[in-house]
Full PDB file with SEQRES, HELIX, SHEET, SSBOND, CRYST1, ORIGX, SCALE, CONECT and MASTER records, all heavy atoms in Angstrom:
SEQRES   1 A   33  ALA PRO GLU VAL VAL PRO PRO GLY HIS LEU PHE VAL LEU          
SEQRES   2 A   33  GLY ASP ASN ARG GLU VAL SER TYR ASP SER ARG HIS THR          
SEQRES   3 A   33  GLY PRO VAL PRO PHE ALA ARG                                  
HELIX    1 AA1 SER A   23  THR A   26  1                                   4    
SHEET    1 AA1 2 HIS A   9  LEU A  10  0                                        
SHEET    2 AA1 2 VAL A  29  PRO A  30 -1                                        
CRYST1    1.000    1.000    1.000  90.00  90.00  90.00 P 1           1          
ORIGX1      1.000000  0.000000  0.000000        0.00000                         
ORIGX2      0.000000  1.000000  0.000000        0.00000                         
ORIGX3      0.000000  0.000000  1.000000        0.00000                         
SCALE1      1.000000  0.000000  0.000000        0.00000                         
SCALE2      0.000000  1.000000  0.000000        0.00000                         
SCALE3      0.000000  0.000000  1.000000        0.00000                         
ATOM      1  N   ALA A   1      13.594   1.280  -8.037  1.00  0.00           N  
ATOM      2  CA  ALA A   1      13.780   2.473  -7.200  1.00  0.00           C  
ATOM      3  C   ALA A   1      12.848   2.555  -6.013  1.00  0.00           C  
ATOM      4  O   ALA A   1      11.607   2.448  -6.244  1.00  0.00           O  
ATOM      5  CB  ALA A   1      13.539   3.759  -8.121  1.00  0.00           C  
ATOM      6  N   PRO A   2      13.299   2.578  -4.782  1.00  0.00           N  
ATOM      7  CA  PRO A   2      12.380   2.610  -3.654  1.00  0.00           C  
ATOM      8  C   PRO A   2      11.496   3.896  -3.526  1.00  0.00           C  
ATOM      9  O   PRO A   2      12.064   4.951  -3.686  1.00  0.00           O  
ATOM     10  CB  PRO A   2      13.309   2.462  -2.452  1.00  0.00           C  
ATOM     11  CG  PRO A   2      14.666   2.933  -2.922  1.00  0.00           C  
ATOM     12  CD  PRO A   2      14.680   2.740  -4.376  1.00  0.00           C  
ATOM     13  N   GLU A   3      10.229   3.673  -3.446  1.00  0.00           N  
ATOM     14  CA  GLU A   3       9.327   4.871  -3.239  1.00  0.00           C  
ATOM     15  C   GLU A   3       9.075   4.974  -1.730  1.00  0.00           C  
ATOM     16  O   GLU A   3       8.853   3.915  -1.038  1.00  0.00           O  
ATOM     17  CB  GLU A   3       8.021   4.558  -4.009  1.00  0.00           C  
ATOM     18  CG  GLU A   3       7.076   5.664  -3.880  1.00  0.00           C  
ATOM     19  CD  GLU A   3       5.766   5.326  -4.592  1.00  0.00           C  
ATOM     20  OE1 GLU A   3       5.853   4.685  -5.659  1.00  0.00           O  
ATOM     21  OE2 GLU A   3       4.677   5.684  -4.059  1.00  0.00           O  
ATOM     22  N   VAL A   4       9.107   6.177  -1.268  1.00  0.00           N  
ATOM     23  CA  VAL A   4       8.870   6.414   0.163  1.00  0.00           C  
ATOM     24  C   VAL A   4       7.365   6.634   0.407  1.00  0.00           C  
ATOM     25  O   VAL A   4       6.745   7.344  -0.371  1.00  0.00           O  
ATOM     26  CB  VAL A   4       9.704   7.645   0.609  1.00  0.00           C  
ATOM     27  CG1 VAL A   4       9.412   7.963   2.119  1.00  0.00           C  
ATOM     28  CG2 VAL A   4      11.201   7.363   0.487  1.00  0.00           C  
ATOM     29  N   VAL A   5       6.926   6.008   1.532  1.00  0.00           N  
ATOM     30  CA  VAL A   5       5.434   6.167   1.848  1.00  0.00           C  
ATOM     31  C   VAL A   5       5.319   7.599   2.361  1.00  0.00           C  
ATOM     32  O   VAL A   5       5.987   8.099   3.244  1.00  0.00           O  
ATOM     33  CB  VAL A   5       5.085   5.166   2.973  1.00  0.00           C  
ATOM     34  CG1 VAL A   5       3.593   5.359   3.359  1.00  0.00           C  
ATOM     35  CG2 VAL A   5       5.293   3.763   2.498  1.00  0.00           C  
ATOM     36  N   PRO A   6       4.345   8.388   1.799  1.00  0.00           N  
ATOM     37  CA  PRO A   6       4.202   9.800   2.173  1.00  0.00           C  
ATOM     38  C   PRO A   6       3.558   9.894   3.564  1.00  0.00           C  
ATOM     39  O   PRO A   6       2.989   8.974   4.092  1.00  0.00           O  
ATOM     40  CB  PRO A   6       3.195  10.320   1.143  1.00  0.00           C  
ATOM     41  CG  PRO A   6       2.509   9.152   0.577  1.00  0.00           C  
ATOM     42  CD  PRO A   6       3.441   7.995   0.703  1.00  0.00           C  
ATOM     43  N   PRO A   7       3.770  11.017   4.298  1.00  0.00           N  
ATOM     44  CA  PRO A   7       3.135  11.254   5.571  1.00  0.00           C  
ATOM     45  C   PRO A   7       1.623  11.077   5.508  1.00  0.00           C  
ATOM     46  O   PRO A   7       1.019  11.420   4.477  1.00  0.00           O  
ATOM     47  CB  PRO A   7       3.495  12.725   5.826  1.00  0.00           C  
ATOM     48  CG  PRO A   7       4.691  13.019   5.011  1.00  0.00           C  
ATOM     49  CD  PRO A   7       4.566  12.172   3.773  1.00  0.00           C  
ATOM     50  N   GLY A   8       1.097  10.544   6.543  1.00  0.00           N  
ATOM     51  CA  GLY A   8      -0.380  10.378   6.656  1.00  0.00           C  
ATOM     52  C   GLY A   8      -0.838   9.199   5.779  1.00  0.00           C  
ATOM     53  O   GLY A   8      -2.060   9.099   5.523  1.00  0.00           O  
ATOM     54  N   HIS A   9       0.029   8.231   5.488  1.00  0.00           N  
ATOM     55  CA  HIS A   9      -0.365   7.029   4.643  1.00  0.00           C  
ATOM     56  C   HIS A   9       0.237   5.778   5.215  1.00  0.00           C  
ATOM     57  O   HIS A   9       1.297   5.806   5.850  1.00  0.00           O  
ATOM     58  CB  HIS A   9       0.094   7.231   3.193  1.00  0.00           C  
ATOM     59  CG  HIS A   9      -0.703   8.264   2.421  1.00  0.00           C  
ATOM     60  ND1 HIS A   9      -0.565   9.621   2.651  1.00  0.00           N  
ATOM     61  CD2 HIS A   9      -1.591   8.093   1.522  1.00  0.00           C  
ATOM     62  CE1 HIS A   9      -1.371  10.232   1.837  1.00  0.00           C  
ATOM     63  NE2 HIS A   9      -2.046   9.383   1.173  1.00  0.00           N  
ATOM     64  N   LEU A  10      -0.337   4.636   4.883  1.00  0.00           N  
ATOM     65  CA  LEU A  10       0.204   3.357   5.190  1.00  0.00           C  
ATOM     66  C   LEU A  10       0.332   2.534   3.870  1.00  0.00           C  
ATOM     67  O   LEU A  10      -0.432   2.687   2.957  1.00  0.00           O  
ATOM     68  CB  LEU A  10      -0.747   2.515   6.063  1.00  0.00           C  
ATOM     69  CG  LEU A  10      -1.012   3.102   7.441  1.00  0.00           C  
ATOM     70  CD1 LEU A  10      -2.167   2.303   8.108  1.00  0.00           C  
ATOM     71  CD2 LEU A  10       0.161   2.974   8.349  1.00  0.00           C  
ATOM     72  N   PHE A  11       1.370   1.677   3.781  1.00  0.00           N  
ATOM     73  CA  PHE A  11       1.532   0.814   2.622  1.00  0.00           C  
ATOM     74  C   PHE A  11       1.145  -0.517   3.122  1.00  0.00           C  
ATOM     75  O   PHE A  11       1.715  -1.119   4.015  1.00  0.00           O  
ATOM     76  CB  PHE A  11       3.007   0.892   2.153  1.00  0.00           C  
ATOM     77  CG  PHE A  11       3.085   0.171   0.816  1.00  0.00           C  
ATOM     78  CD1 PHE A  11       2.917   0.969  -0.365  1.00  0.00           C  
ATOM     79  CD2 PHE A  11       3.495  -1.105   0.620  1.00  0.00           C  
ATOM     80  CE1 PHE A  11       3.085   0.370  -1.608  1.00  0.00           C  
ATOM     81  CE2 PHE A  11       3.616  -1.712  -0.582  1.00  0.00           C  
ATOM     82  CZ  PHE A  11       3.397  -0.906  -1.737  1.00  0.00           C  
ATOM     83  N   VAL A  12       0.044  -1.198   2.562  1.00  0.00           N  
ATOM     84  CA  VAL A  12      -0.495  -2.430   3.015  1.00  0.00           C  
ATOM     85  C   VAL A  12      -0.391  -3.506   1.885  1.00  0.00           C  
ATOM     86  O   VAL A  12      -0.533  -3.185   0.751  1.00  0.00           O  
ATOM     87  CB  VAL A  12      -1.921  -2.271   3.524  1.00  0.00           C  
ATOM     88  CG1 VAL A  12      -2.014  -1.382   4.713  1.00  0.00           C  
ATOM     89  CG2 VAL A  12      -2.787  -1.781   2.409  1.00  0.00           C  
ATOM     90  N   LEU A  13      -0.169  -4.720   2.282  1.00  0.00           N  
ATOM     91  CA  LEU A  13      -0.023  -5.862   1.381  1.00  0.00           C  
ATOM     92  C   LEU A  13      -0.855  -7.029   1.949  1.00  0.00           C  
ATOM     93  O   LEU A  13      -0.909  -7.235   3.187  1.00  0.00           O  
ATOM     94  CB  LEU A  13       1.412  -6.263   1.194  1.00  0.00           C  
ATOM     95  CG  LEU A  13       2.362  -5.282   0.624  1.00  0.00           C  
ATOM     96  CD1 LEU A  13       3.802  -5.856   0.725  1.00  0.00           C  
ATOM     97  CD2 LEU A  13       1.984  -5.004  -0.854  1.00  0.00           C  
ATOM     98  N   GLY A  14      -1.417  -7.842   1.089  1.00  0.00           N  
ATOM     99  CA  GLY A  14      -1.994  -9.057   1.516  1.00  0.00           C  
ATOM    100  C   GLY A  14      -0.929 -10.083   1.660  1.00  0.00           C  
ATOM    101  O   GLY A  14       0.158 -10.064   1.058  1.00  0.00           O  
ATOM    102  N   ASP A  15      -1.194 -11.099   2.474  1.00  0.00           N  
ATOM    103  CA  ASP A  15      -0.189 -12.166   2.776  1.00  0.00           C  
ATOM    104  C   ASP A  15      -0.046 -13.112   1.514  1.00  0.00           C  
ATOM    105  O   ASP A  15       1.073 -13.608   1.323  1.00  0.00           O  
ATOM    106  CB  ASP A  15      -0.584 -13.043   3.949  1.00  0.00           C  
ATOM    107  CG  ASP A  15      -0.518 -12.255   5.334  1.00  0.00           C  
ATOM    108  OD1 ASP A  15       0.089 -11.175   5.288  1.00  0.00           O  
ATOM    109  OD2 ASP A  15      -0.840 -12.815   6.323  1.00  0.00           O  
ATOM    110  N   ASN A  16      -1.081 -13.268   0.773  1.00  0.00           N  
ATOM    111  CA  ASN A  16      -1.043 -14.077  -0.427  1.00  0.00           C  
ATOM    112  C   ASN A  16      -0.861 -13.147  -1.578  1.00  0.00           C  
ATOM    113  O   ASN A  16      -1.815 -12.788  -2.316  1.00  0.00           O  
ATOM    114  CB  ASN A  16      -2.280 -14.893  -0.543  1.00  0.00           C  
ATOM    115  CG  ASN A  16      -2.324 -15.871  -1.661  1.00  0.00           C  
ATOM    116  OD1 ASN A  16      -1.357 -15.996  -2.324  1.00  0.00           O  
ATOM    117  ND2 ASN A  16      -3.461 -16.619  -1.790  1.00  0.00           N  
ATOM    118  N   ARG A  17       0.368 -12.784  -1.876  1.00  0.00           N  
ATOM    119  CA  ARG A  17       0.700 -11.693  -2.800  1.00  0.00           C  
ATOM    120  C   ARG A  17       0.252 -11.903  -4.225  1.00  0.00           C  
ATOM    121  O   ARG A  17      -0.027 -11.002  -5.005  1.00  0.00           O  
ATOM    122  CB  ARG A  17       2.166 -11.397  -2.799  1.00  0.00           C  
ATOM    123  CG  ARG A  17       2.771 -11.060  -1.429  1.00  0.00           C  
ATOM    124  CD  ARG A  17       2.789  -9.591  -1.152  1.00  0.00           C  
ATOM    125  NE  ARG A  17       2.939  -9.266   0.314  1.00  0.00           N  
ATOM    126  CZ  ARG A  17       4.097  -9.262   0.916  1.00  0.00           C  
ATOM    127  NH1 ARG A  17       5.176  -9.642   0.314  1.00  0.00           N  
ATOM    128  NH2 ARG A  17       4.098  -9.031   2.175  1.00  0.00           N  
ATOM    129  N   GLU A  18       0.168 -13.162  -4.639  1.00  0.00           N  
ATOM    130  CA  GLU A  18      -0.203 -13.492  -6.029  1.00  0.00           C  
ATOM    131  C   GLU A  18      -1.626 -13.117  -6.395  1.00  0.00           C  
ATOM    132  O   GLU A  18      -1.886 -12.772  -7.532  1.00  0.00           O  
ATOM    133  CB  GLU A  18      -0.068 -15.050  -6.280  1.00  0.00           C  
ATOM    134  CG  GLU A  18       1.395 -15.544  -6.308  1.00  0.00           C  
ATOM    135  CD  GLU A  18       1.867 -15.759  -4.857  1.00  0.00           C  
ATOM    136  OE1 GLU A  18       1.092 -16.143  -4.001  1.00  0.00           O  
ATOM    137  OE2 GLU A  18       3.109 -15.555  -4.547  1.00  0.00           O  
ATOM    138  N   VAL A  19      -2.456 -13.147  -5.378  1.00  0.00           N  
ATOM    139  CA  VAL A  19      -3.903 -12.807  -5.628  1.00  0.00           C  
ATOM    140  C   VAL A  19      -4.378 -11.528  -4.930  1.00  0.00           C  
ATOM    141  O   VAL A  19      -5.564 -11.136  -5.109  1.00  0.00           O  
ATOM    142  CB  VAL A  19      -4.856 -13.931  -5.330  1.00  0.00           C  
ATOM    143  CG1 VAL A  19      -4.470 -15.222  -6.213  1.00  0.00           C  
ATOM    144  CG2 VAL A  19      -4.762 -14.369  -3.879  1.00  0.00           C  
ATOM    145  N   SER A  20      -3.525 -10.866  -4.192  1.00  0.00           N  
ATOM    146  CA  SER A  20      -4.004  -9.776  -3.329  1.00  0.00           C  
ATOM    147  C   SER A  20      -4.049  -8.446  -4.133  1.00  0.00           C  
ATOM    148  O   SER A  20      -3.121  -8.120  -4.896  1.00  0.00           O  
ATOM    149  CB  SER A  20      -3.053  -9.586  -2.181  1.00  0.00           C  
ATOM    150  OG  SER A  20      -3.453  -8.540  -1.417  1.00  0.00           O  
ATOM    151  N   TYR A  21      -5.067  -7.737  -3.852  1.00  0.00           N  
ATOM    152  CA  TYR A  21      -5.292  -6.379  -4.436  1.00  0.00           C  
ATOM    153  C   TYR A  21      -4.945  -5.425  -3.287  1.00  0.00           C  
ATOM    154  O   TYR A  21      -5.758  -5.348  -2.318  1.00  0.00           O  
ATOM    155  CB  TYR A  21      -6.694  -6.190  -4.992  1.00  0.00           C  
ATOM    156  CG  TYR A  21      -6.963  -4.829  -5.635  1.00  0.00           C  
ATOM    157  CD1 TYR A  21      -6.381  -4.586  -6.910  1.00  0.00           C  
ATOM    158  CD2 TYR A  21      -7.681  -3.862  -5.024  1.00  0.00           C  
ATOM    159  CE1 TYR A  21      -6.609  -3.402  -7.616  1.00  0.00           C  
ATOM    160  CE2 TYR A  21      -7.827  -2.638  -5.669  1.00  0.00           C  
ATOM    161  CZ  TYR A  21      -7.322  -2.418  -6.878  1.00  0.00           C  
ATOM    162  OH  TYR A  21      -7.551  -1.232  -7.525  1.00  0.00           O  
ATOM    163  N   ASP A  22      -3.889  -4.735  -3.383  1.00  0.00           N  
ATOM    164  CA  ASP A  22      -3.358  -4.027  -2.216  1.00  0.00           C  
ATOM    165  C   ASP A  22      -2.660  -2.686  -2.661  1.00  0.00           C  
ATOM    166  O   ASP A  22      -2.894  -2.240  -3.794  1.00  0.00           O  
ATOM    167  CB  ASP A  22      -2.472  -4.895  -1.317  1.00  0.00           C  
ATOM    168  CG  ASP A  22      -1.451  -5.619  -2.149  1.00  0.00           C  
ATOM    169  OD1 ASP A  22      -0.934  -5.068  -3.135  1.00  0.00           O  
ATOM    170  OD2 ASP A  22      -1.198  -6.880  -1.850  1.00  0.00           O  
ATOM    171  N   SER A  23      -1.770  -2.256  -1.844  1.00  0.00           N  
ATOM    172  CA  SER A  23      -1.101  -0.909  -2.171  1.00  0.00           C  
ATOM    173  C   SER A  23      -0.212  -1.038  -3.336  1.00  0.00           C  
ATOM    174  O   SER A  23       0.133   0.046  -3.916  1.00  0.00           O  
ATOM    175  CB  SER A  23      -0.258  -0.463  -0.908  1.00  0.00           C  
ATOM    176  OG  SER A  23      -1.085  -0.002   0.085  1.00  0.00           O  
ATOM    177  N   ARG A  24       0.174  -2.149  -3.843  1.00  0.00           N  
ATOM    178  CA  ARG A  24       0.934  -2.226  -5.025  1.00  0.00           C  
ATOM    179  C   ARG A  24       0.135  -1.749  -6.252  1.00  0.00           C  
ATOM    180  O   ARG A  24       0.615  -1.350  -7.247  1.00  0.00           O  
ATOM    181  CB  ARG A  24       1.452  -3.693  -5.333  1.00  0.00           C  
ATOM    182  CG  ARG A  24       2.405  -4.139  -4.292  1.00  0.00           C  
ATOM    183  CD  ARG A  24       2.682  -5.649  -4.393  1.00  0.00           C  
ATOM    184  NE  ARG A  24       1.468  -6.369  -4.209  1.00  0.00           N  
ATOM    185  CZ  ARG A  24       1.279  -7.640  -4.490  1.00  0.00           C  
ATOM    186  NH1 ARG A  24       2.229  -8.355  -5.040  1.00  0.00           N  
ATOM    187  NH2 ARG A  24       0.160  -8.262  -4.212  1.00  0.00           N  
ATOM    188  N   HIS A  25      -1.208  -1.906  -6.086  1.00  0.00           N  
ATOM    189  CA  HIS A  25      -2.167  -1.535  -7.176  1.00  0.00           C  
ATOM    190  C   HIS A  25      -2.726  -0.174  -6.994  1.00  0.00           C  
ATOM    191  O   HIS A  25      -3.017   0.561  -7.862  1.00  0.00           O  
ATOM    192  CB  HIS A  25      -3.288  -2.612  -7.282  1.00  0.00           C  
ATOM    193  CG  HIS A  25      -2.727  -4.006  -7.421  1.00  0.00           C  
ATOM    194  ND1 HIS A  25      -2.541  -4.858  -6.381  1.00  0.00           N  
ATOM    195  CD2 HIS A  25      -2.315  -4.614  -8.549  1.00  0.00           C  
ATOM    196  CE1 HIS A  25      -2.054  -6.020  -6.842  1.00  0.00           C  
ATOM    197  NE2 HIS A  25      -1.964  -5.864  -8.132  1.00  0.00           N  
ATOM    198  N   THR A  26      -3.041   0.198  -5.729  1.00  0.00           N  
ATOM    199  CA  THR A  26      -3.797   1.358  -5.338  1.00  0.00           C  
ATOM    200  C   THR A  26      -2.898   2.463  -4.844  1.00  0.00           C  
ATOM    201  O   THR A  26      -3.348   3.589  -4.795  1.00  0.00           O  
ATOM    202  CB  THR A  26      -4.872   1.080  -4.352  1.00  0.00           C  
ATOM    203  OG1 THR A  26      -4.240   0.712  -3.069  1.00  0.00           O  
ATOM    204  CG2 THR A  26      -5.826   0.055  -4.762  1.00  0.00           C  
ATOM    205  N   GLY A  27      -1.662   2.185  -4.495  1.00  0.00           N  
ATOM    206  CA  GLY A  27      -0.815   3.157  -3.852  1.00  0.00           C  
ATOM    207  C   GLY A  27      -1.044   3.131  -2.348  1.00  0.00           C  
ATOM    208  O   GLY A  27      -1.878   2.387  -1.809  1.00  0.00           O  
ATOM    209  N   PRO A  28      -0.268   3.984  -1.653  1.00  0.00           N  
ATOM    210  CA  PRO A  28      -0.426   4.005  -0.184  1.00  0.00           C  
ATOM    211  C   PRO A  28      -1.783   4.390   0.214  1.00  0.00           C  
ATOM    212  O   PRO A  28      -2.428   5.208  -0.460  1.00  0.00           O  
ATOM    213  CB  PRO A  28       0.616   5.039   0.274  1.00  0.00           C  
ATOM    214  CG  PRO A  28       1.590   5.043  -0.872  1.00  0.00           C  
ATOM    215  CD  PRO A  28       0.840   4.800  -2.093  1.00  0.00           C  
ATOM    216  N   VAL A  29      -2.252   3.921   1.378  1.00  0.00           N  
ATOM    217  CA  VAL A  29      -3.606   4.160   1.852  1.00  0.00           C  
ATOM    218  C   VAL A  29      -3.635   5.325   2.781  1.00  0.00           C  
ATOM    219  O   VAL A  29      -2.792   5.328   3.834  1.00  0.00           O  
ATOM    220  CB  VAL A  29      -4.155   2.917   2.610  1.00  0.00           C  
ATOM    221  CG1 VAL A  29      -5.537   3.132   3.151  1.00  0.00           C  
ATOM    222  CG2 VAL A  29      -4.144   1.641   1.631  1.00  0.00           C  
ATOM    223  N   PRO A  30      -4.396   6.326   2.677  1.00  0.00           N  
ATOM    224  CA  PRO A  30      -4.507   7.462   3.582  1.00  0.00           C  
ATOM    225  C   PRO A  30      -5.009   7.046   4.964  1.00  0.00           C  
ATOM    226  O   PRO A  30      -5.866   6.129   5.052  1.00  0.00           O  
ATOM    227  CB  PRO A  30      -5.427   8.452   2.936  1.00  0.00           C  
ATOM    228  CG  PRO A  30      -5.961   7.849   1.685  1.00  0.00           C  
ATOM    229  CD  PRO A  30      -5.367   6.475   1.511  1.00  0.00           C  
ATOM    230  N   PHE A  31      -4.500   7.679   6.000  1.00  0.00           N  
ATOM    231  CA  PHE A  31      -4.898   7.441   7.384  1.00  0.00           C  
ATOM    232  C   PHE A  31      -6.437   7.501   7.489  1.00  0.00           C  
ATOM    233  O   PHE A  31      -7.051   6.783   8.284  1.00  0.00           O  
ATOM    234  CB  PHE A  31      -4.283   8.358   8.339  1.00  0.00           C  
ATOM    235  CG  PHE A  31      -2.821   8.087   8.660  1.00  0.00           C  
ATOM    236  CD1 PHE A  31      -2.159   8.987   9.501  1.00  0.00           C  
ATOM    237  CD2 PHE A  31      -2.184   6.925   8.199  1.00  0.00           C  
ATOM    238  CE1 PHE A  31      -0.823   8.718   9.801  1.00  0.00           C  
ATOM    239  CE2 PHE A  31      -0.867   6.687   8.483  1.00  0.00           C  
ATOM    240  CZ  PHE A  31      -0.160   7.607   9.308  1.00  0.00           C  
ATOM    241  N   ALA A  32      -7.109   8.346   6.704  1.00  0.00           N  
ATOM    242  CA  ALA A  32      -8.535   8.579   6.843  1.00  0.00           C  
ATOM    243  C   ALA A  32      -9.298   7.313   6.537  1.00  0.00           C  
ATOM    244  O   ALA A  32     -10.431   7.186   7.027  1.00  0.00           O  
ATOM    245  CB  ALA A  32      -8.948   9.671   5.869  1.00  0.00           C  
ATOM    246  N   ARG A  33      -8.743   6.401   5.752  1.00  0.00           N  
ATOM    247  CA  ARG A  33      -9.395   5.107   5.488  1.00  0.00           C  
ATOM    248  C   ARG A  33      -9.049   4.006   6.502  1.00  0.00           C  
ATOM    249  O   ARG A  33      -9.613   2.897   6.325  1.00  0.00           O  
ATOM    250  CB  ARG A  33      -9.069   4.705   4.025  1.00  0.00           C  
ATOM    251  CG  ARG A  33      -9.759   5.631   3.037  1.00  0.00           C  
ATOM    252  CD  ARG A  33      -9.529   5.301   1.567  1.00  0.00           C  
ATOM    253  NE  ARG A  33      -9.559   3.921   1.253  1.00  0.00           N  
ATOM    254  CZ  ARG A  33      -8.717   3.386   0.307  1.00  0.00           C  
ATOM    255  NH1 ARG A  33      -7.922   4.179  -0.395  1.00  0.00           N  
ATOM    256  NH2 ARG A  33      -8.825   2.082   0.053  1.00  0.00           N  
TER     257      ARG A  33                                                      
MASTER        0    0    0    1    2    0    0    6  256    1    0    3          
END                                                                             
């Protein structure tokens, strides 16, 4: 089920997905960060 990125957030991923700790683990990143 596609999840929509909320307003004021970015969804970020590492290029090397197998070892990257990114938005798949932490959720969308707020603009403040």
